[in-house]
Amino acid sequence: DEDVNPFMELMSESVGASLDYLSYPLYTLPPDTSLVKLGEYLSEPKCRRVAICDDECRQCENIVTRRSLLKFMSKHISYADLQEKLDDAGLDYRKEVIQVTDDTK
């Protein structure tokens, strides 16, 4: 089947469980990847999880989710840095919002 990820079976065997819940395409990174690079991958709309794989032994060592990265950052980034205001941090969090009212009354 062409839609099957060629690494899914190998990865499933490596972790000893089905990885069907992983998004496709399956994103993999080596263990020495920086947190910045990991964050770049996880910020992609269709990437919710990244498999950390050792290329030499072709084994999945861990699966990092958006939630687990945020949890790690909240524990390891200083309280002062986490208190920075959204506008000062340059975080693009604003989206256009349309308000719909019911005028049929």
PDB file of N, CA and C in Angstrom:
ATOM      1  N   ASP A   1       0.847  -1.189   0.000  1.00  0.00           N
ATOM      2  CA  ASP A   1       0.000   0.000   0.000  1.00  0.00           C
ATOM      3  C   ASP A   1       0.887   1.244   0.000  1.00  0.00           C
ATOM      4  N   GLU A   2       0.649   2.160  -0.951  1.00  0.00           N
ATOM      5  CA  GLU A   2       1.490   3.340  -1.074  1.00  0.00           C
ATOM      6  C   GLU A   2       1.284   4.345   0.046  1.00  0.00           C
ATOM      7  N   ASP A   3       0.113   4.313   0.729  1.00  0.00           N
ATOM      8  CA  ASP A   3      -0.176   5.264   1.787  1.00  0.00           C
ATOM      9  C   ASP A   3       0.471   4.895   3.117  1.00  0.00           C
ATOM     10  N   VAL A   4       1.032   3.713   3.210  1.00  0.00           N
ATOM     11  CA  VAL A   4       1.629   3.258   4.460  1.00  0.00           C
ATOM     12  C   VAL A   4       3.024   3.848   4.602  1.00  0.00           C
ATOM     13  N   ASN A   5       3.294   4.419   5.757  1.00  0.00           N
ATOM     14  CA  ASN A   5       4.612   4.976   6.027  1.00  0.00           C
ATOM     15  C   ASN A   5       5.608   3.827   6.116  1.00  0.00           C
ATOM     16  N   PRO A   6       6.701   3.886   5.360  1.00  0.00           N
ATOM     17  CA  PRO A   6       7.657   2.762   5.345  1.00  0.00           C
ATOM     18  C   PRO A   6       8.323   2.516   6.694  1.00  0.00           C
ATOM     19  N   PHE A   7       8.344   3.510   7.584  1.00  0.00           N
ATOM     20  CA  PHE A   7       8.983   3.323   8.881  1.00  0.00           C
ATOM     21  C   PHE A   7       8.013   2.918   9.981  1.00  0.00           C
ATOM     22  N   MET A   8       6.700   2.945   9.711  1.00  0.00           N
ATOM     23  CA  MET A   8       5.709   2.701  10.767  1.00  0.00           C
ATOM     24  C   MET A   8       5.860   1.316  11.392  1.00  0.00           C
ATOM     25  N   GLU A   9       6.022   0.290  10.582  1.00  0.00           N
ATOM     26  CA  GLU A   9       6.156  -1.062  11.123  1.00  0.00           C
ATOM     27  C   GLU A   9       7.438  -1.202  11.937  1.00  0.00           C
ATOM     28  N   LEU A  10       8.538  -0.706  11.404  1.00  0.00           N
ATOM     29  CA  LEU A  10       9.819  -0.746  12.108  1.00  0.00           C
ATOM     30  C   LEU A  10       9.727   0.003  13.439  1.00  0.00           C
ATOM     31  N   MET A  11       9.110   1.177  13.416  1.00  0.00           N
ATOM     32  CA  MET A  11       8.993   1.979  14.632  1.00  0.00           C
ATOM     33  C   MET A  11       8.072   1.296  15.644  1.00  0.00           C
ATOM     34  N   SER A  12       6.979   0.717  15.161  1.00  0.00           N
ATOM     35  CA  SER A  12       6.058   0.012  16.050  1.00  0.00           C
ATOM     36  C   SER A  12       6.769  -1.127  16.767  1.00  0.00           C
ATOM     37  N   GLU A  13       7.594  -1.872  16.031  1.00  0.00           N
ATOM     38  CA  GLU A  13       8.361  -2.958  16.639  1.00  0.00           C
ATOM     39  C   GLU A  13       9.364  -2.408  17.656  1.00  0.00           C
ATOM     40  N   SER A  14       9.954  -1.275  17.355  1.00  0.00           N
ATOM     41  CA  SER A  14      10.964  -0.675  18.217  1.00  0.00           C
ATOM     42  C   SER A  14      10.406  -0.281  19.579  1.00  0.00           C
ATOM     43  N   VAL A  15       9.213   0.324  19.583  1.00  0.00           N
ATOM     44  CA  VAL A  15       8.624   0.753  20.854  1.00  0.00           C
ATOM     45  C   VAL A  15       7.716  -0.313  21.449  1.00  0.00           C
ATOM     46  N   GLY A  16       7.440  -1.369  20.693  1.00  0.00           N
ATOM     47  CA  GLY A  16       6.632  -2.466  21.204  1.00  0.00           C
ATOM     48  C   GLY A  16       5.153  -2.148  21.264  1.00  0.00           C
ATOM     49  N   ALA A  17       4.693  -1.199  20.454  1.00  0.00           N
ATOM     50  CA  ALA A  17       3.277  -0.834  20.441  1.00  0.00           C
ATOM     51  C   ALA A  17       2.929  -0.251  19.085  1.00  0.00           C
ATOM     52  N   SER A  18       1.647  -0.217  18.808  1.00  0.00           N
ATOM     53  CA  SER A  18       1.194   0.381  17.558  1.00  0.00           C
ATOM     54  C   SER A  18       1.397   1.885  17.590  1.00  0.00           C
ATOM     55  N   LEU A  19       1.831   2.437  16.486  1.00  0.00           N
ATOM     56  CA  LEU A  19       2.024   3.879  16.382  1.00  0.00           C
ATOM     57  C   LEU A  19       1.016   4.485  15.408  1.00  0.00           C
ATOM     58  N   ASP A  20      -0.123   3.849  15.269  1.00  0.00           N
ATOM     59  CA  ASP A  20      -1.135   4.328  14.339  1.00  0.00           C
ATOM     60  C   ASP A  20      -1.628   5.729  14.684  1.00  0.00           C
ATOM     61  N   TYR A  21      -1.483   6.138  15.935  1.00  0.00           N
ATOM     62  CA  TYR A  21      -1.961   7.449  16.365  1.00  0.00           C
ATOM     63  C   TYR A  21      -1.041   8.584  15.917  1.00  0.00           C
ATOM     64  N   LEU A  22       0.141   8.261  15.430  1.00  0.00           N
ATOM     65  CA  LEU A  22       1.050   9.306  14.958  1.00  0.00           C
ATOM     66  C   LEU A  22       0.505   9.936  13.690  1.00  0.00           C
ATOM     67  N   SER A  23       0.717  11.223  13.565  1.00  0.00           N
ATOM     68  CA  SER A  23       0.267  11.918  12.361  1.00  0.00           C
ATOM     69  C   SER A  23       1.139  11.506  11.181  1.00  0.00           C
ATOM     70  N   TYR A  24       0.568  11.608  10.004  1.00  0.00           N
ATOM     71  CA  TYR A  24       1.313  11.297   8.795  1.00  0.00           C
ATOM     72  C   TYR A  24       1.526  12.589   8.041  1.00  0.00           C
ATOM     73  N   PRO A  25       2.656  12.935   7.585  1.00  0.00           N
ATOM     74  CA  PRO A  25       3.838  12.084   7.579  1.00  0.00           C
ATOM     75  C   PRO A  25       4.442  11.956   8.973  1.00  0.00           C
ATOM     76  N   LEU A  26       5.133  10.876   9.174  1.00  0.00           N
ATOM     77  CA  LEU A  26       5.796  10.640  10.448  1.00  0.00           C
ATOM     78  C   LEU A  26       7.072  11.468  10.495  1.00  0.00           C
ATOM     79  N   TYR A  27       7.126  12.399  11.438  1.00  0.00           N
ATOM     80  CA  TYR A  27       8.306  13.237  11.598  1.00  0.00           C
ATOM     81  C   TYR A  27       9.269  12.554  12.553  1.00  0.00           C
ATOM     82  N   THR A  28      10.512  12.434  12.142  1.00  0.00           N
ATOM     83  CA  THR A  28      11.532  11.838  12.995  1.00  0.00           C
ATOM     84  C   THR A  28      12.724  12.778  13.079  1.00  0.00           C
ATOM     85  N   LEU A  29      13.339  12.806  14.249  1.00  0.00           N
ATOM     86  CA  LEU A  29      14.539  13.605  14.481  1.00  0.00           C
ATOM     87  C   LEU A  29      15.522  12.783  15.297  1.00  0.00           C
ATOM     88  N   PRO A  30      16.820  13.050  15.144  1.00  0.00           N
ATOM     89  CA  PRO A  30      17.817  12.336  15.945  1.00  0.00           C
ATOM     90  C   PRO A  30      17.857  12.888  17.368  1.00  0.00           C
ATOM     91  N   PRO A  31      18.396  12.114  18.308  1.00  0.00           N
ATOM     92  CA  PRO A  31      18.447  12.529  19.715  1.00  0.00           C
ATOM     93  C   PRO A  31      19.238  13.812  19.969  1.00  0.00           C
ATOM     94  N   ASP A  32      20.145  14.186  19.082  1.00  0.00           N
ATOM     95  CA  ASP A  32      20.951  15.389  19.327  1.00  0.00           C
ATOM     96  C   ASP A  32      20.320  16.656  18.728  1.00  0.00           C
ATOM     97  N   THR A  33      19.052  16.593  18.374  1.00  0.00           N
ATOM     98  CA  THR A  33      18.344  17.750  17.819  1.00  0.00           C
ATOM     99  C   THR A  33      18.148  18.816  18.891  1.00  0.00           C
ATOM    100  N   SER A  34      18.291  20.074  18.514  1.00  0.00           N
ATOM    101  CA  SER A  34      18.086  21.173  19.464  1.00  0.00           C
ATOM    102  C   SER A  34      16.603  21.355  19.766  1.00  0.00           C
ATOM    103  N   LEU A  35      16.320  21.966  20.916  1.00  0.00           N
ATOM    104  CA  LEU A  35      14.938  22.252  21.282  1.00  0.00           C
ATOM    105  C   LEU A  35      14.304  23.232  20.295  1.00  0.00           C
ATOM    106  N   VAL A  36      15.109  24.137  19.759  1.00  0.00           N
ATOM    107  CA  VAL A  36      14.600  25.090  18.773  1.00  0.00           C
ATOM    108  C   VAL A  36      14.100  24.333  17.542  1.00  0.00           C
ATOM    109  N   LYS A  37      14.894  23.417  17.039  1.00  0.00           N
ATOM    110  CA  LYS A  37      14.517  22.631  15.856  1.00  0.00           C
ATOM    111  C   LYS A  37      13.279  21.783  16.146  1.00  0.00           C
ATOM    112  N   LEU A  38      13.236  21.163  17.314  1.00  0.00           N
ATOM    113  CA  LEU A  38      12.074  20.372  17.710  1.00  0.00           C
ATOM    114  C   LEU A  38      10.833  21.254  17.746  1.00  0.00           C
ATOM    115  N   GLY A  39      10.968  22.450  18.318  1.00  0.00           N
ATOM    116  CA  GLY A  39       9.854  23.388  18.370  1.00  0.00           C
ATOM    117  C   GLY A  39       9.385  23.804  16.992  1.00  0.00           C
ATOM    118  N   GLU A  40      10.328  23.971  16.060  1.00  0.00           N
ATOM    119  CA  GLU A  40       9.973  24.323  14.679  1.00  0.00           C
ATOM    120  C   GLU A  40       9.115  23.225  14.055  1.00  0.00           C
ATOM    121  N   TYR A  41       9.499  21.976  14.273  1.00  0.00           N
ATOM    122  CA  TYR A  41       8.717  20.871  13.730  1.00  0.00           C
ATOM    123  C   TYR A  41       7.331  20.832  14.364  1.00  0.00           C
ATOM    124  N   LEU A  42       7.285  20.923  15.688  1.00  0.00           N
ATOM    125  CA  LEU A  42       6.013  20.815  16.391  1.00  0.00           C
ATOM    126  C   LEU A  42       5.100  22.008  16.145  1.00  0.00           C
ATOM    127  N   SER A  43       5.637  23.099  15.639  1.00  0.00           N
ATOM    128  CA  SER A  43       4.789  24.255  15.355  1.00  0.00           C
ATOM    129  C   SER A  43       4.075  24.129  14.008  1.00  0.00           C
ATOM    130  N   GLU A  44       4.456  23.134  13.226  1.00  0.00           N
ATOM    131  CA  GLU A  44       3.773  22.901  11.954  1.00  0.00           C
ATOM    132  C   GLU A  44       2.352  22.401  12.242  1.00  0.00           C
ATOM    133  N   PRO A  45       1.368  22.877  11.476  1.00  0.00           N
ATOM    134  CA  PRO A  45      -0.035  22.534  11.753  1.00  0.00           C
ATOM    135  C   PRO A  45      -0.341  21.038  11.849  1.00  0.00           C
ATOM    136  N   LYS A  46       0.274  20.217  11.014  1.00  0.00           N
ATOM    137  CA  LYS A  46      -0.055  18.786  11.027  1.00  0.00           C
ATOM    138  C   LYS A  46       0.916  17.947  11.839  1.00  0.00           C
ATOM    139  N   CYS A  47       1.828  18.584  12.528  1.00  0.00           N
ATOM    140  CA  CYS A  47       2.820  17.845  13.316  1.00  0.00           C
ATOM    141  C   CYS A  47       2.511  17.998  14.802  1.00  0.00           C
ATOM    142  N   ARG A  48       1.952  16.965  15.394  1.00  0.00           N
ATOM    143  CA  ARG A  48       1.633  17.000  16.823  1.00  0.00           C
ATOM    144  C   ARG A  48       2.629  16.198  17.653  1.00  0.00           C
ATOM    145  N   ARG A  49       3.332  15.298  16.970  1.00  0.00           N
ATOM    146  CA  ARG A  49       4.291  14.424  17.651  1.00  0.00           C
ATOM    147  C   ARG A  49       5.508  14.241  16.761  1.00  0.00           C
ATOM    148  N   VAL A  50       6.671  14.070  17.409  1.00  0.00           N
ATOM    149  CA  VAL A  50       7.901  13.790  16.675  1.00  0.00           C
ATOM    150  C   VAL A  50       8.544  12.570  17.324  1.00  0.00           C
ATOM    151  N   ALA A  51       8.872  11.598  16.504  1.00  0.00           N
ATOM    152  CA  ALA A  51       9.572  10.415  16.994  1.00  0.00           C
ATOM    153  C   ALA A  51      11.069  10.734  17.028  1.00  0.00           C
ATOM    154  N   ILE A  52      11.695  10.467  18.169  1.00  0.00           N
ATOM    155  CA  ILE A  52      13.133  10.654  18.316  1.00  0.00           C
ATOM    156  C   ILE A  52      13.779   9.302  18.029  1.00  0.00           C
ATOM    157  N   CYS A  53      14.527   9.247  16.936  1.00  0.00           N
ATOM    158  CA  CYS A  53      15.052   7.968  16.455  1.00  0.00           C
ATOM    159  C   CYS A  53      16.562   7.989  16.319  1.00  0.00           C
ATOM    160  N   ASP A  54      17.158   6.902  16.745  1.00  0.00           N
ATOM    161  CA  ASP A  54      18.593   6.706  16.594  1.00  0.00           C
ATOM    162  C   ASP A  54      18.826   6.077  15.227  1.00  0.00           C
ATOM    163  N   ASP A  55      19.465   6.832  14.333  1.00  0.00           N
ATOM    164  CA  ASP A  55      19.684   6.349  12.972  1.00  0.00           C
ATOM    165  C   ASP A  55      20.597   5.131  12.914  1.00  0.00           C
ATOM    166  N   GLU A  56      21.562   5.041  13.831  1.00  0.00           N
ATOM    167  CA  GLU A  56      22.516   3.935  13.790  1.00  0.00           C
ATOM    168  C   GLU A  56      21.855   2.597  14.081  1.00  0.00           C
ATOM    169  N   CYS A  57      21.049   2.536  15.146  1.00  0.00           N
ATOM    170  CA  CYS A  57      20.417   1.261  15.486  1.00  0.00           C
ATOM    171  C   CYS A  57      18.967   1.202  15.001  1.00  0.00           C
ATOM    172  N   ARG A  58      18.517   2.271  14.312  1.00  0.00           N
ATOM    173  CA  ARG A  58      17.181   2.342  13.724  1.00  0.00           C
ATOM    174  C   ARG A  58      16.093   2.028  14.741  1.00  0.00           C
ATOM    175  N   GLN A  59      16.219   2.657  15.918  1.00  0.00           N
ATOM    176  CA  GLN A  59      15.209   2.447  16.947  1.00  0.00           C
ATOM    177  C   GLN A  59      14.608   3.767  17.381  1.00  0.00           C
ATOM    178  N   CYS A  60      13.318   3.721  17.703  1.00  0.00           N
ATOM    179  CA  CYS A  60      12.635   4.881  18.244  1.00  0.00           C
ATOM    180  C   CYS A  60      12.944   4.941  19.738  1.00  0.00           C
ATOM    181  N   GLU A  61      13.531   6.040  20.180  1.00  0.00           N
ATOM    182  CA  GLU A  61      13.895   6.185  21.586  1.00  0.00           C
ATOM    183  C   GLU A  61      12.808   6.872  22.399  1.00  0.00           C
ATOM    184  N   ASN A  62      12.023   7.719  21.736  1.00  0.00           N
ATOM    185  CA  ASN A  62      11.000   8.475  22.458  1.00  0.00           C
ATOM    186  C   ASN A  62      10.068   9.107  21.440  1.00  0.00           C
ATOM    187  N   ILE A  63       8.927   9.549  21.913  1.00  0.00           N
ATOM    188  CA  ILE A  63       8.000  10.329  21.103  1.00  0.00           C
ATOM    189  C   ILE A  63       7.712  11.605  21.887  1.00  0.00           C
ATOM    190  N   VAL A  64       7.981  12.746  21.262  1.00  0.00           N
ATOM    191  CA  VAL A  64       7.773  14.031  21.913  1.00  0.00           C
ATOM    192  C   VAL A  64       6.517  14.672  21.331  1.00  0.00           C
ATOM    193  N   THR A  65       5.622  15.091  22.203  1.00  0.00           N
ATOM    194  CA  THR A  65       4.404  15.765  21.779  1.00  0.00           C
ATOM    195  C   THR A  65       4.520  17.256  22.056  1.00  0.00           C
ATOM    196  N   ARG A  66       3.602  18.023  21.487  1.00  0.00           N
ATOM    197  CA  ARG A  66       3.569  19.454  21.786  1.00  0.00           C
ATOM    198  C   ARG A  66       3.426  19.668  23.287  1.00  0.00           C
ATOM    199  N   ARG A  67       2.521  18.915  23.891  1.00  0.00           N
ATOM    200  CA  ARG A  67       2.263  19.053  25.327  1.00  0.00           C
ATOM    201  C   ARG A  67       3.507  18.743  26.163  1.00  0.00           C
ATOM    202  N   SER A  68       4.215  17.672  25.805  1.00  0.00           N
ATOM    203  CA  SER A  68       5.391  17.305  26.597  1.00  0.00           C
ATOM    204  C   SER A  68       6.494  18.357  26.465  1.00  0.00           C
ATOM    205  N   LEU A  69       6.622  18.976  25.281  1.00  0.00           N
ATOM    206  CA  LEU A  69       7.610  20.039  25.112  1.00  0.00           C
ATOM    207  C   LEU A  69       7.237  21.260  25.950  1.00  0.00           C
ATOM    208  N   LEU A  70       5.962  21.640  25.948  1.00  0.00           N
ATOM    209  CA  LEU A  70       5.522  22.773  26.760  1.00  0.00           C
ATOM    210  C   LEU A  70       5.712  22.492  28.250  1.00  0.00           C
ATOM    211  N   LYS A  71       5.422  21.280  28.669  1.00  0.00           N
ATOM    212  CA  LYS A  71       5.605  20.903  30.076  1.00  0.00           C
ATOM    213  C   LYS A  71       7.082  20.991  30.465  1.00  0.00           C
ATOM    214  N   PHE A  72       7.959  20.487  29.602  1.00  0.00           N
ATOM    215  CA  PHE A  72       9.388  20.561  29.844  1.00  0.00           C
ATOM    216  C   PHE A  72       9.842  22.009  29.953  1.00  0.00           C
ATOM    217  N   MET A  73       9.385  22.845  29.008  1.00  0.00           N
ATOM    218  CA  MET A  73       9.790  24.248  29.003  1.00  0.00           C
ATOM    219  C   MET A  73       9.298  24.970  30.256  1.00  0.00           C
ATOM    220  N   SER A  74       8.088  24.674  30.694  1.00  0.00           N
ATOM    221  CA  SER A  74       7.566  25.351  31.879  1.00  0.00           C
ATOM    222  C   SER A  74       8.346  24.984  33.134  1.00  0.00           C
ATOM    223  N   LYS A  75       8.949  23.806  33.139  1.00  0.00           N
ATOM    224  CA  LYS A  75       9.745  23.376  34.297  1.00  0.00           C
ATOM    225  C   LYS A  75      11.190  23.860  34.229  1.00  0.00           C
ATOM    226  N   HIS A  76      11.692  24.123  33.032  1.00  0.00           N
ATOM    227  CA  HIS A  76      13.112  24.422  32.876  1.00  0.00           C
ATOM    228  C   HIS A  76      13.434  25.843  32.429  1.00  0.00           C
ATOM    229  N   ILE A  77      12.425  26.620  32.110  1.00  0.00           N
ATOM    230  CA  ILE A  77      12.649  28.022  31.756  1.00  0.00           C
ATOM    231  C   ILE A  77      12.347  28.849  32.990  1.00  0.00           C
ATOM    232  N   SER A  78      13.134  29.869  33.207  1.00  0.00           N
ATOM    233  CA  SER A  78      12.982  30.663  34.426  1.00  0.00           C
ATOM    234  C   SER A  78      11.592  31.291  34.519  1.00  0.00           C
ATOM    235  N   TYR A  79      11.163  31.453  35.740  1.00  0.00           N
ATOM    236  CA  TYR A  79       9.864  32.060  36.010  1.00  0.00           C
ATOM    237  C   TYR A  79       9.792  33.458  35.398  1.00  0.00           C
ATOM    238  N   ALA A  80      10.878  34.204  35.486  1.00  0.00           N
ATOM    239  CA  ALA A  80      10.914  35.567  34.938  1.00  0.00           C
ATOM    240  C   ALA A  80      10.692  35.544  33.428  1.00  0.00           C
ATOM    241  N   ASP A  81      11.319  34.599  32.726  1.00  0.00           N
ATOM    242  CA  ASP A  81      11.135  34.507  31.276  1.00  0.00           C
ATOM    243  C   ASP A  81       9.698  34.133  30.917  1.00  0.00           C
ATOM    244  N   LEU A  82       9.095  33.278  31.744  1.00  0.00           N
ATOM    245  CA  LEU A  82       7.717  32.872  31.471  1.00  0.00           C
ATOM    246  C   LEU A  82       6.725  33.998  31.757  1.00  0.00           C
ATOM    247  N   GLN A  83       7.135  34.997  32.513  1.00  0.00           N
ATOM    248  CA  GLN A  83       6.267  36.125  32.839  1.00  0.00           C
ATOM    249  C   GLN A  83       6.278  37.207  31.759  1.00  0.00           C
ATOM    250  N   GLU A  84       7.125  37.041  30.757  1.00  0.00           N
ATOM    251  CA  GLU A  84       7.203  38.032  29.692  1.00  0.00           C
ATOM    252  C   GLU A  84       5.836  38.182  29.028  1.00  0.00           C
ATOM    253  N   LYS A  85       5.462  39.379  28.727  1.00  0.00           N
ATOM    254  CA  LYS A  85       4.172  39.655  28.095  1.00  0.00           C
ATOM    255  C   LYS A  85       4.177  39.126  26.657  1.00  0.00           C
ATOM    256  N   LEU A  86       3.034  38.667  26.202  1.00  0.00           N
ATOM    257  CA  LEU A  86       2.924  38.099  24.864  1.00  0.00           C
ATOM    258  C   LEU A  86       3.391  39.079  23.796  1.00  0.00           C
ATOM    259  N   ASP A  87       2.991  40.344  23.920  1.00  0.00           N
ATOM    260  CA  ASP A  87       3.400  41.337  22.924  1.00  0.00           C
ATOM    261  C   ASP A  87       4.910  41.537  22.928  1.00  0.00           C
ATOM    262  N   ASP A  88       5.529  41.539  24.114  1.00  0.00           N
ATOM    263  CA  ASP A  88       6.976  41.735  24.209  1.00  0.00           C
ATOM    264  C   ASP A  88       7.738  40.535  23.657  1.00  0.00           C
ATOM    265  N   ALA A  89       7.160  39.355  23.794  1.00  0.00           N
ATOM    266  CA  ALA A  89       7.824  38.130  23.334  1.00  0.00           C
ATOM    267  C   ALA A  89       7.756  37.979  21.816  1.00  0.00           C
ATOM    268  N   GLY A  90       6.872  38.734  21.184  1.00  0.00           N
ATOM    269  CA  GLY A  90       6.725  38.629  19.734  1.00  0.00           C
ATOM    270  C   GLY A  90       5.937  37.407  19.307  1.00  0.00           C
ATOM    271  N   LEU A  91       5.176  36.840  20.231  1.00  0.00           N
ATOM    272  CA  LEU A  91       4.387  35.644  19.928  1.00  0.00           C
ATOM    273  C   LEU A  91       3.205  36.017  19.051  1.00  0.00           C
ATOM    274  N   ASP A  92       3.085  35.366  17.920  1.00  0.00           N
ATOM    275  CA  ASP A  92       1.993  35.637  16.995  1.00  0.00           C
ATOM    276  C   ASP A  92       0.780  34.830  17.438  1.00  0.00           C
ATOM    277  N   TYR A  93       0.002  35.386  18.328  1.00  0.00           N
ATOM    278  CA  TYR A  93      -1.143  34.676  18.874  1.00  0.00           C
ATOM    279  C   TYR A  93      -2.470  35.256  18.405  1.00  0.00           C
ATOM    280  N   ARG A  94      -2.436  36.368  17.719  1.00  0.00           N
ATOM    281  CA  ARG A  94      -3.680  37.039  17.318  1.00  0.00           C
ATOM    282  C   ARG A  94      -4.204  36.447  16.012  1.00  0.00           C
ATOM    283  N   LYS A  95      -5.479  36.160  16.035  1.00  0.00           N
ATOM    284  CA  LYS A  95      -6.175  35.685  14.843  1.00  0.00           C
ATOM    285  C   LYS A  95      -7.390  36.585  14.647  1.00  0.00           C
ATOM    286  N   GLU A  96      -7.807  36.755  13.403  1.00  0.00           N
ATOM    287  CA  GLU A  96      -9.004  37.540  13.156  1.00  0.00           C
ATOM    288  C   GLU A  96     -10.201  36.763  13.684  1.00  0.00           C
ATOM    289  N   VAL A  97     -11.076  37.475  14.372  1.00  0.00           N
ATOM    290  CA  VAL A  97     -12.266  36.863  14.946  1.00  0.00           C
ATOM    291  C   VAL A  97     -13.489  37.554  14.356  1.00  0.00           C
ATOM    292  N   ILE A  98     -14.443  36.768  13.924  1.00  0.00           N
ATOM    293  CA  ILE A  98     -15.678  37.312  13.384  1.00  0.00           C
ATOM    294  C   ILE A  98     -16.765  37.057  14.404  1.00  0.00           C
ATOM    295  N   GLN A  99     -17.499  38.099  14.726  1.00  0.00           N
ATOM    296  CA  GLN A  99     -18.578  37.952  15.683  1.00  0.00           C
ATOM    297  C   GLN A  99     -19.898  37.895  14.918  1.00  0.00           C
ATOM    298  N   VAL A 100     -20.699  36.888  15.185  1.00  0.00           N
ATOM    299  CA  VAL A 100     -21.981  36.734  14.536  1.00  0.00           C
ATOM    300  C   VAL A 100     -23.070  36.916  15.587  1.00  0.00           C
ATOM    301  N   THR A 101     -23.990  37.813  15.312  1.00  0.00           N
ATOM    302  CA  THR A 101     -25.095  38.035  16.253  1.00  0.00           C
ATOM    303  C   THR A 101     -26.393  37.567  15.624  1.00  0.00           C
ATOM    304  N   ASP A 102     -27.319  37.169  16.472  1.00  0.00           N
ATOM    305  CA  ASP A 102     -28.621  36.708  16.017  1.00  0.00           C
ATOM    306  C   ASP A 102     -29.582  37.885  16.115  1.00  0.00           C
ATOM    307  N   ASP A 103     -29.947  38.449  14.959  1.00  0.00           N
ATOM    308  CA  ASP A 103     -30.857  39.597  14.909  1.00  0.00           C
ATOM    309  C   ASP A 103     -32.264  39.189  14.484  1.00  0.00           C
ATOM    310  N   THR A 104     -32.582  37.905  14.589  1.00  0.00           N
ATOM    311  CA  THR A 104     -33.877  37.428  14.125  1.00  0.00           C
ATOM    312  C   THR A 104     -34.954  37.503  15.204  1.00  0.00           C
ATOM    313  N   LYS A 105     -34.631  38.024  16.346  1.00  0.00           N
ATOM    314  CA  LYS A 105     -35.619  38.065  17.446  1.00  0.00           C
ATOM    315  C   LYS A 105     -36.668  39.094  17.218  1.00  0.00           C
TER     316      LYS A 105
END
